[in-house]
Amino acid sequence: MTSRRRTRQTVQAPLGGAMTLGGATLRRAAGLVMLVLSSLWLGPPASAATTERVVTDRHSGLAISGFDPVAYFVDRAAVEGRAEYEYTYAGTVWRFRNLGNRNAFADNPTVYAPVFGGYDPVGIARGVSRPGNPGLFAVMGGRVFLFYSETARDKFMADPVGVLTEAQNHWPQVRAGLTP
């Protein structure tokens, strides 16, 4: 195996396909995303106390349609949560695959909850609130992002720093426009 092949990492793309990035490129992008995220002010947890600021299924009342937010990190997959493992945070009910994931979220919800409450960062960057699809996600910089479409996810993956910088600039206005 060549060193080039050893330094390549494959990132499993949900709902089919995989994206392969060179190890150095992936580390550099993740580092830049962490830098942007560290400067991103999303407000304290108490400020997201209404369900409209977290993507919530209108029919079930569940955050991110009942998918387990911890599973994105642990399983690297979109996994539906179970009714017996629920936790209320930010004014809405979150579901988890197991008790361990529920407890991890309860201990540190700001780490596991999707950035921008599960709204698509590409839409936010354009000044629009588009609910992310829990099946279309990326974990980068230690945070999970949900996307409205595969096209939006591809755009984000092509320039995560640019998208997040624009999203950071537009988030206060977009957030203010969400139903309180």
C-alpha atoms as a PDB file:
ATOM      1  CA  MET A   1       0.000   0.000   0.000  1.00  0.00           C
ATOM      2  CA  THR A   2       1.462   3.368  -0.935  1.00  0.00           C
ATOM      3  CA  SER A   3       1.747   6.207   1.545  1.00  0.00           C
ATOM      4  CA  ARG A   4      -0.750   8.132  -0.534  1.00  0.00           C
ATOM      5  CA  ARG A   5      -3.323   5.365  -0.123  1.00  0.00           C
ATOM      6  CA  ARG A   6      -2.598   5.109   3.600  1.00  0.00           C
ATOM      7  CA  THR A   7      -3.214   8.838   4.159  1.00  0.00           C
ATOM      8  CA  ARG A   8      -6.540   8.844   2.376  1.00  0.00           C
ATOM      9  CA  GLN A   9      -9.644   8.663   4.499  1.00  0.00           C
ATOM     10  CA  THR A  10     -13.081   7.684   3.358  1.00  0.00           C
ATOM     11  CA  VAL A  11     -15.995   9.542   4.863  1.00  0.00           C
ATOM     12  CA  GLN A  12     -19.180   7.516   4.563  1.00  0.00           C
ATOM     13  CA  ALA A  13     -21.835   9.644   2.978  1.00  0.00           C
ATOM     14  CA  PRO A  14     -25.273   8.849   4.385  1.00  0.00           C
ATOM     15  CA  LEU A  15     -27.829   7.480   1.960  1.00  0.00           C
ATOM     16  CA  GLY A  16     -25.236   6.072  -0.388  1.00  0.00           C
ATOM     17  CA  GLY A  17     -21.817   6.867  -1.690  1.00  0.00           C
ATOM     18  CA  ALA A  18     -18.627   7.819   0.052  1.00  0.00           C
ATOM     19  CA  MET A  19     -16.392  10.835  -0.197  1.00  0.00           C
ATOM     20  CA  THR A  20     -12.643  10.278  -0.124  1.00  0.00           C
ATOM     21  CA  LEU A  21     -10.379  13.055   1.015  1.00  0.00           C
ATOM     22  CA  GLY A  22      -6.640  13.057   1.540  1.00  0.00           C
ATOM     23  CA  GLY A  23      -5.780  12.766   5.244  1.00  0.00           C
ATOM     24  CA  ALA A  24      -4.018  16.139   5.337  1.00  0.00           C
ATOM     25  CA  THR A  25      -6.868  17.821   3.479  1.00  0.00           C
ATOM     26  CA  LEU A  26      -9.433  16.326   5.848  1.00  0.00           C
ATOM     27  CA  ARG A  27      -7.438  17.392   8.930  1.00  0.00           C
ATOM     28  CA  ARG A  28      -6.945  20.906   7.553  1.00  0.00           C
ATOM     29  CA  ALA A  29     -10.663  21.267   6.747  1.00  0.00           C
ATOM     30  CA  ALA A  30     -11.654  19.905  10.168  1.00  0.00           C
ATOM     31  CA  GLY A  31      -9.241  22.337  11.851  1.00  0.00           C
ATOM     32  CA  LEU A  32     -10.669  25.285   9.936  1.00  0.00           C
ATOM     33  CA  VAL A  33     -14.207  24.192  10.744  1.00  0.00           C
ATOM     34  CA  MET A  34     -13.266  24.014  14.452  1.00  0.00           C
ATOM     35  CA  LEU A  35     -11.876  27.539  14.225  1.00  0.00           C
ATOM     36  CA  VAL A  36     -15.076  28.844  12.642  1.00  0.00           C
ATOM     37  CA  LEU A  37     -17.244  26.897  15.103  1.00  0.00           C
ATOM     38  CA  SER A  38     -15.287  28.228  18.065  1.00  0.00           C
ATOM     39  CA  SER A  39     -16.099  31.755  16.953  1.00  0.00           C
ATOM     40  CA  LEU A  40     -19.715  30.906  16.142  1.00  0.00           C
ATOM     41  CA  TRP A  41     -22.102  32.267  18.752  1.00  0.00           C
ATOM     42  CA  LEU A  42     -25.192  30.110  18.821  1.00  0.00           C
ATOM     43  CA  GLY A  43     -26.355  31.434  22.176  1.00  0.00           C
ATOM     44  CA  PRO A  44     -26.658  29.623  25.468  1.00  0.00           C
ATOM     45  CA  PRO A  45     -28.808  26.497  25.651  1.00  0.00           C
ATOM     46  CA  ALA A  46     -31.608  28.356  27.428  1.00  0.00           C
ATOM     47  CA  SER A  47     -32.013  30.694  24.446  1.00  0.00           C
ATOM     48  CA  ALA A  48     -33.134  27.782  22.280  1.00  0.00           C
ATOM     49  CA  ALA A  49     -36.039  26.997  24.545  1.00  0.00           C
ATOM     50  CA  THR A  50     -38.702  26.934  21.835  1.00  0.00           C
ATOM     51  CA  THR A  51     -39.270  23.989  19.529  1.00  0.00           C
ATOM     52  CA  GLU A  52     -39.250  26.229  16.446  1.00  0.00           C
ATOM     53  CA  ARG A  53     -35.542  26.940  16.989  1.00  0.00           C
ATOM     54  CA  VAL A  54     -34.796  23.220  16.783  1.00  0.00           C
ATOM     55  CA  VAL A  55     -35.981  21.319  13.736  1.00  0.00           C
ATOM     56  CA  THR A  56     -39.017  19.479  15.081  1.00  0.00           C
ATOM     57  CA  ASP A  57     -41.376  17.106  13.277  1.00  0.00           C
ATOM     58  CA  ARG A  58     -44.800  18.788  13.171  1.00  0.00           C
ATOM     59  CA  HIS A  59     -46.691  15.524  13.523  1.00  0.00           C
ATOM     60  CA  SER A  60     -44.709  13.748  16.231  1.00  0.00           C
ATOM     61  CA  GLY A  61     -43.249  16.747  18.074  1.00  0.00           C
ATOM     62  CA  LEU A  62     -39.828  15.057  18.057  1.00  0.00           C
ATOM     63  CA  ALA A  63     -36.555  16.888  17.509  1.00  0.00           C
ATOM     64  CA  ILE A  64     -34.885  15.977  14.208  1.00  0.00           C
ATOM     65  CA  SER A  65     -37.764  13.593  13.417  1.00  0.00           C
ATOM     66  CA  GLY A  66     -36.858  11.236  16.251  1.00  0.00           C
ATOM     67  CA  PHE A  67     -33.334  10.422  15.053  1.00  0.00           C
ATOM     68  CA  ASP A  68     -30.647   9.849  17.680  1.00  0.00           C
ATOM     69  CA  PRO A  69     -28.180  12.792  17.565  1.00  0.00           C
ATOM     70  CA  VAL A  70     -25.475  10.838  19.426  1.00  0.00           C
ATOM     71  CA  ALA A  71     -25.571   8.044  16.838  1.00  0.00           C
ATOM     72  CA  TYR A  72     -24.072  10.400  14.250  1.00  0.00           C
ATOM     73  CA  PHE A  73     -20.885  10.314  16.329  1.00  0.00           C
ATOM     74  CA  VAL A  74     -20.979   6.775  17.745  1.00  0.00           C
ATOM     75  CA  ASP A  75     -22.358   4.852  14.772  1.00  0.00           C
ATOM     76  CA  ARG A  76     -21.515   7.368  12.031  1.00  0.00           C
ATOM     77  CA  ALA A  77     -25.036   6.764  10.760  1.00  0.00           C
ATOM     78  CA  ALA A  78     -28.528   8.211  10.973  1.00  0.00           C
ATOM     79  CA  VAL A  79     -30.305   5.950  13.476  1.00  0.00           C
ATOM     80  CA  GLU A  80     -33.885   6.330  14.660  1.00  0.00           C
ATOM     81  CA  GLY A  81     -34.313   6.687  18.399  1.00  0.00           C
ATOM     82  CA  ARG A  82     -36.662   4.618  20.525  1.00  0.00           C
ATOM     83  CA  ALA A  83     -39.625   5.868  22.544  1.00  0.00           C
ATOM     84  CA  GLU A  84     -38.273   4.379  25.775  1.00  0.00           C
ATOM     85  CA  TYR A  85     -35.149   6.597  25.567  1.00  0.00           C
ATOM     86  CA  GLU A  86     -36.372  10.185  25.447  1.00  0.00           C
ATOM     87  CA  TYR A  87     -34.977  13.404  26.862  1.00  0.00           C
ATOM     88  CA  THR A  88     -36.418  16.922  26.749  1.00  0.00           C
ATOM     89  CA  TYR A  89     -34.021  19.682  25.735  1.00  0.00           C
ATOM     90  CA  ALA A  90     -34.558  23.083  24.114  1.00  0.00           C
ATOM     91  CA  GLY A  91     -38.303  22.704  24.549  1.00  0.00           C
ATOM     92  CA  THR A  92     -38.643  19.537  22.508  1.00  0.00           C
ATOM     93  CA  VAL A  93     -38.325  15.776  22.924  1.00  0.00           C
ATOM     94  CA  TRP A  94     -35.229  14.007  21.594  1.00  0.00           C
ATOM     95  CA  ARG A  95     -35.046  10.237  21.095  1.00  0.00           C
ATOM     96  CA  PHE A  96     -32.088   7.907  21.433  1.00  0.00           C
ATOM     97  CA  ARG A  97     -31.163   4.401  20.382  1.00  0.00           C
ATOM     98  CA  ASN A  98     -30.097   3.370  23.877  1.00  0.00           C
ATOM     99  CA  LEU A  99     -29.650   4.614  27.444  1.00  0.00           C
ATOM    100  CA  GLY A 100     -25.937   5.334  26.946  1.00  0.00           C
ATOM    101  CA  ASN A 101     -26.649   7.715  24.065  1.00  0.00           C
ATOM    102  CA  ARG A 102     -29.438   9.379  26.051  1.00  0.00           C
ATOM    103  CA  ASN A 103     -27.131   9.917  29.026  1.00  0.00           C
ATOM    104  CA  ALA A 104     -24.310  11.243  26.834  1.00  0.00           C
ATOM    105  CA  PHE A 105     -26.709  13.799  25.335  1.00  0.00           C
ATOM    106  CA  ALA A 106     -28.115  14.753  28.746  1.00  0.00           C
ATOM    107  CA  ASP A 107     -24.584  15.356  30.034  1.00  0.00           C
ATOM    108  CA  ASN A 108     -23.602  17.597  27.109  1.00  0.00           C
ATOM    109  CA  PRO A 109     -26.436  18.445  24.701  1.00  0.00           C
ATOM    110  CA  THR A 110     -24.605  21.344  23.047  1.00  0.00           C
ATOM    111  CA  VAL A 111     -21.995  18.894  21.743  1.00  0.00           C
ATOM    112  CA  TYR A 112     -24.479  16.431  20.250  1.00  0.00           C
ATOM    113  CA  ALA A 113     -27.326  18.689  19.102  1.00  0.00           C
ATOM    114  CA  PRO A 114     -27.008  19.670  15.434  1.00  0.00           C
ATOM    115  CA  VAL A 115     -25.474  23.059  14.684  1.00  0.00           C
ATOM    116  CA  PHE A 116     -28.097  25.751  13.931  1.00  0.00           C
ATOM    117  CA  GLY A 117     -30.750  23.577  15.600  1.00  0.00           C
ATOM    118  CA  GLY A 118     -30.720  21.187  12.643  1.00  0.00           C
ATOM    119  CA  TYR A 119     -31.361  23.840  10.014  1.00  0.00           C
ATOM    120  CA  ASP A 120     -29.303  23.479   6.835  1.00  0.00           C
ATOM    121  CA  PRO A 121     -26.126  25.612   7.095  1.00  0.00           C
ATOM    122  CA  VAL A 122     -26.151  26.220   3.335  1.00  0.00           C
ATOM    123  CA  GLY A 123     -29.664  27.669   3.589  1.00  0.00           C
ATOM    124  CA  ILE A 124     -28.647  29.716   6.640  1.00  0.00           C
ATOM    125  CA  ALA A 125     -25.670  31.048   4.631  1.00  0.00           C
ATOM    126  CA  ARG A 126     -28.205  32.283   2.059  1.00  0.00           C
ATOM    127  CA  GLY A 127     -30.393  33.827   4.748  1.00  0.00           C
ATOM    128  CA  VAL A 128     -33.056  31.103   4.553  1.00  0.00           C
ATOM    129  CA  SER A 129     -34.215  28.640   7.223  1.00  0.00           C
ATOM    130  CA  ARG A 130     -34.442  25.203   5.627  1.00  0.00           C
ATOM    131  CA  PRO A 131     -34.977  22.255   7.963  1.00  0.00           C
ATOM    132  CA  GLY A 132     -32.232  19.684   7.613  1.00  0.00           C
ATOM    133  CA  ASN A 133     -33.031  16.092   6.733  1.00  0.00           C
ATOM    134  CA  PRO A 134     -31.721  13.819   9.527  1.00  0.00           C
ATOM    135  CA  GLY A 135     -30.615  11.308   6.882  1.00  0.00           C
ATOM    136  CA  LEU A 136     -28.389  13.878   5.163  1.00  0.00           C
ATOM    137  CA  PHE A 137     -25.625  14.802   7.557  1.00  0.00           C
ATOM    138  CA  ALA A 138     -21.933  15.441   8.021  1.00  0.00           C
ATOM    139  CA  VAL A 139     -19.866  15.325  11.184  1.00  0.00           C
ATOM    140  CA  MET A 140     -17.050  17.825  10.998  1.00  0.00           C
ATOM    141  CA  GLY A 141     -15.059  19.626  13.646  1.00  0.00           C
ATOM    142  CA  GLY A 142     -16.745  17.575  16.354  1.00  0.00           C
ATOM    143  CA  ARG A 143     -20.231  18.806  15.420  1.00  0.00           C
ATOM    144  CA  VAL A 144     -23.055  17.425  13.319  1.00  0.00           C
ATOM    145  CA  PHE A 145     -24.675  19.351  10.471  1.00  0.00           C
ATOM    146  CA  LEU A 146     -27.974  18.392   8.809  1.00  0.00           C
ATOM    147  CA  PHE A 147     -28.729  19.277   5.199  1.00  0.00           C
ATOM    148  CA  TYR A 148     -31.873  19.967   3.200  1.00  0.00           C
ATOM    149  CA  SER A 149     -30.578  18.117   0.122  1.00  0.00           C
ATOM    150  CA  GLU A 150     -27.609  16.174  -1.184  1.00  0.00           C
ATOM    151  CA  THR A 151     -26.711  19.218  -3.272  1.00  0.00           C
ATOM    152  CA  ALA A 152     -26.526  21.348  -0.120  1.00  0.00           C
ATOM    153  CA  ARG A 153     -24.338  18.749   1.600  1.00  0.00           C
ATOM    154  CA  ASP A 154     -22.012  18.653  -1.413  1.00  0.00           C
ATOM    155  CA  LYS A 155     -21.765  22.445  -1.428  1.00  0.00           C
ATOM    156  CA  PHE A 156     -20.916  22.435   2.281  1.00  0.00           C
ATOM    157  CA  MET A 157     -18.284  19.705   1.894  1.00  0.00           C
ATOM    158  CA  ALA A 158     -16.654  21.641  -0.962  1.00  0.00           C
ATOM    159  CA  ASP A 159     -16.158  24.764   1.195  1.00  0.00           C
ATOM    160  CA  PRO A 160     -17.126  24.230   4.848  1.00  0.00           C
ATOM    161  CA  VAL A 161     -15.274  27.303   6.097  1.00  0.00           C
ATOM    162  CA  GLY A 162     -16.875  29.604   3.510  1.00  0.00           C
ATOM    163  CA  VAL A 163     -20.362  28.221   4.149  1.00  0.00           C
ATOM    164  CA  LEU A 164     -19.990  28.435   7.936  1.00  0.00           C
ATOM    165  CA  THR A 165     -18.628  31.969   7.777  1.00  0.00           C
ATOM    166  CA  GLU A 166     -21.645  33.092   5.749  1.00  0.00           C
ATOM    167  CA  ALA A 167     -24.023  31.091   7.942  1.00  0.00           C
ATOM    168  CA  GLN A 168     -22.540  32.688  11.049  1.00  0.00           C
ATOM    169  CA  ASN A 169     -23.182  36.119   9.551  1.00  0.00           C
ATOM    170  CA  HIS A 170     -26.805  35.315   8.634  1.00  0.00           C
ATOM    171  CA  TRP A 171     -27.809  33.189  11.650  1.00  0.00           C
ATOM    172  CA  PRO A 172     -28.949  36.058  13.929  1.00  0.00           C
ATOM    173  CA  GLN A 173     -31.397  37.344  11.281  1.00  0.00           C
ATOM    174  CA  VAL A 174     -32.581  33.871  10.295  1.00  0.00           C
ATOM    175  CA  ARG A 175     -33.004  32.848  13.917  1.00  0.00           C
ATOM    176  CA  ALA A 176     -34.958  36.025  14.677  1.00  0.00           C
ATOM    177  CA  GLY A 177     -37.330  35.128  11.832  1.00  0.00           C
ATOM    178  CA  LEU A 178     -38.131  31.702  13.270  1.00  0.00           C
ATOM    179  CA  THR A 179     -41.412  31.440  15.131  1.00  0.00           C
ATOM    180  CA  PRO A 180     -40.783  32.131  18.826  1.00  0.00           C
END
